[in-house]
Amino acid sequence: MKVLGLILFALIALLQYPLWLGKGSWHKVWKINQQVITQNEKNQKLRIRNAKIDAEVQDLKQGFDAIEERARSELGMIKQDEVFFRVEVYKKNTTPPNKTGGKIPSGNK
């Protein structure tokens, strides 16, 4: 009877091994589930980014306002017959650069 009990115990232990320590153990499944959750979060952020880029592409394809805005902001372009004003603001403790391009004119030349 003792031998039968040991054999049954060994069979149960062999059947339980894959559940606890094998290739598809609960711990590995839990780790993979955590990785899936992390990847889903990254994918959601990328979907939002892709939607923004897609909207920008559609805007560039359909209208000239977006193209004009980019030309003005990124390339510094202006329209024909348009006057460009540049306003420079200086802090109180700094002096504005002189009109000679930052060089102090010397009278010895």
Protein backbone atom coordinates (compact mmCIF):
# COMPACT_ATOMS: atom_id res chain seq x y z
CA MET A 1 0.00 0.00 0.00
CA LYS A 2 2.94 2.33 0.73
CA VAL A 3 4.37 1.72 -2.73
CA LEU A 4 1.03 2.49 -4.38
CA GLY A 5 0.82 5.77 -2.44
CA LEU A 6 4.34 6.75 -3.54
CA ILE A 7 3.55 5.90 -7.16
CA LEU A 8 0.36 8.01 -7.07
CA PHE A 9 2.24 10.87 -5.41
CA ALA A 10 4.95 10.68 -8.11
CA LEU A 11 2.30 10.71 -10.87
CA ILE A 12 0.56 13.73 -9.36
CA ALA A 13 3.91 15.52 -9.00
CA LEU A 14 4.74 14.78 -12.65
CA LEU A 15 1.37 16.11 -13.75
CA GLN A 16 1.78 19.27 -11.65
CA TYR A 17 5.32 20.04 -12.87
CA PRO A 18 4.26 21.74 -16.15
CA LEU A 19 1.72 23.86 -14.27
CA TRP A 20 4.23 25.26 -11.80
CA LEU A 21 7.66 25.05 -13.45
CA GLY A 22 7.24 24.01 -17.09
CA LYS A 23 7.14 25.88 -20.37
CA GLY A 24 3.56 27.12 -19.88
CA SER A 25 3.74 27.71 -16.14
CA TRP A 26 1.50 30.26 -14.45
CA HIS A 27 4.46 32.54 -13.75
CA LYS A 28 5.48 32.70 -17.42
CA VAL A 29 1.88 33.28 -18.45
CA TRP A 30 1.64 36.13 -15.95
CA LYS A 31 4.85 37.70 -17.30
CA ILE A 32 3.60 37.43 -20.87
CA ASN A 33 0.29 39.02 -19.88
CA GLN A 34 2.20 41.94 -18.35
CA GLN A 35 4.19 42.31 -21.57
CA VAL A 36 0.95 42.28 -23.59
CA ILE A 37 -0.53 45.02 -21.40
CA THR A 38 2.62 47.14 -21.78
CA GLN A 39 2.65 46.64 -25.54
CA ASN A 40 -1.04 47.56 -25.81
CA GLU A 41 -0.32 50.84 -24.00
CA LYS A 42 2.54 51.60 -26.40
CA ASN A 43 0.33 50.71 -29.35
CA GLN A 44 -2.40 53.07 -28.14
CA LYS A 45 0.09 55.96 -27.92
CA LEU A 46 1.32 55.16 -31.41
CA ARG A 47 -2.26 55.03 -32.73
CA ILE A 48 -2.88 58.52 -31.35
CA ARG A 49 0.35 59.78 -32.92
CA ASN A 50 -0.52 58.18 -36.25
CA ALA A 51 -3.99 59.74 -36.18
CA LYS A 52 -2.44 63.18 -35.66
CA ILE A 53 -0.02 62.64 -38.52
CA ASP A 54 -2.81 61.36 -40.75
CA ALA A 55 -4.92 64.43 -39.99
CA GLU A 56 -1.97 66.68 -40.81
CA VAL A 57 -1.39 64.85 -44.11
CA GLN A 58 -5.06 65.17 -45.04
CA ASP A 59 -4.94 68.87 -44.20
CA LEU A 60 -1.86 69.36 -46.38
CA LYS A 61 -3.49 67.47 -49.27
CA GLN A 62 -6.79 69.38 -49.15
CA GLY A 63 -6.02 72.97 -48.26
CA PHE A 64 -3.44 75.62 -48.86
CA ASP A 65 -3.76 77.13 -45.39
CA ALA A 66 -1.63 74.44 -43.77
CA ILE A 67 1.00 74.72 -46.50
CA GLU A 68 1.10 78.49 -46.08
CA GLU A 69 1.39 78.17 -42.31
CA ARG A 70 4.33 75.78 -42.63
CA ALA A 71 6.04 77.99 -45.19
CA ARG A 72 5.75 80.95 -42.85
CA SER A 73 6.78 79.23 -39.62
CA GLU A 74 9.42 76.77 -40.80
CA LEU A 75 10.87 78.47 -43.87
CA GLY A 76 10.33 82.14 -42.98
CA MET A 77 8.57 82.87 -46.27
CA ILE A 78 6.26 85.82 -46.88
CA LYS A 79 3.64 86.54 -49.52
CA GLN A 80 4.23 88.77 -52.50
CA ASP A 81 3.66 92.47 -51.70
CA GLU A 82 3.68 91.69 -48.00
CA VAL A 83 5.81 93.66 -45.52
CA PHE A 84 7.65 91.72 -42.83
CA PHE A 85 8.24 93.37 -39.47
CA ARG A 86 10.62 91.87 -36.97
CA VAL A 87 10.21 92.94 -33.37
CA GLU A 88 13.13 92.30 -31.05
CA VAL A 89 12.66 92.50 -27.31
CA TYR A 90 15.64 93.12 -25.04
CA LYS A 91 15.86 92.45 -21.35
CA LYS A 92 16.52 95.39 -19.03
CA ASN A 93 20.05 94.30 -18.05
CA THR A 94 21.31 93.64 -21.59
CA THR A 95 22.38 96.15 -24.19
CA PRO A 96 21.21 95.88 -27.78
CA PRO A 97 23.88 95.00 -30.33
CA ASN A 98 25.34 97.93 -32.25
CA LYS A 99 24.58 98.34 -35.94
CA THR A 100 28.06 97.31 -37.08
CA GLY A 101 27.27 93.66 -36.56
CA GLY A 102 28.66 93.43 -33.06
CA LYS A 103 32.08 94.88 -33.94
CA ILE A 104 33.23 98.06 -32.31
CA PRO A 105 34.61 100.41 -34.95
CA SER A 106 38.16 101.52 -34.37
CA GLY A 107 39.51 104.81 -35.65
CA ASN A 108 43.07 103.53 -36.29
CA LYS A 109 42.36 101.87 -39.65
